[in-house]
Amino acid sequence: MTDPFAYTLNNGTYGTVYYGMCEATDGGYWAFGYGNNGSYNIALVTKWAMDGTHEWTRTYGSSSDYGYYWNGIGTDDGGVIAVGYTRSYGPYAGTNYSWIASKISSSGSVVWTTVWGGGSANNYAYSIDESADGNFIALGRTYGFGPGTGVANYTLTKITPTGSILFNKVYGGIDYDYG
């Protein structure tokens, strides 16, 4: 299969890596990962139809810094919320990774983006699910917060359907704890 994203980045010289996928509300599929532009890995989302036909692939964030979408969940309006980590947004853009969640419409437009993190350490989001109250809960990792600051602690972050953070809890001990 020809990689549709590779063609858009330097005529197929560089490839695509997908980390996760989920079913779309229209029966199609979403995939999350990054594409490389020759210098940086850039977060991307791909949408396929139910029969596997490629509909579109879009990149998100800066083309001159790193970003990754790790996973996502389809939303009732046909869009998706993608989570991952980026150096393109947040208080320490360009130096450290921030946890990121982005609501993306069915046509690939960004509806909202929320970032969390800071300090002199990296923060990541790896998975997301819908909670019973209609909000969303994301699992991730931080090196900048918690009892083992400087080592990995895991995070549980609850966000609204509009991207507001309701809470962010950090768990772990003095050794490495991954979420």
Foldseek 3Di string as FASTA:
>chain_A
DQAPVCCVQPHNPWHWDWQEKDAWPQQWIKTWWFTANPAETFTKIWTAHNVRHTDDMDTDADNHWYDTFRYWDYDPQRWIKTWWWTLRDDPRRPQEIWTKIFIAHNNGHTPDMDTDDDDNWYKIWHDKDADPVRWMKTKIWILPDDAQNNAIWIWIWIAGPNGHTPDIDTDDHNHHDTD
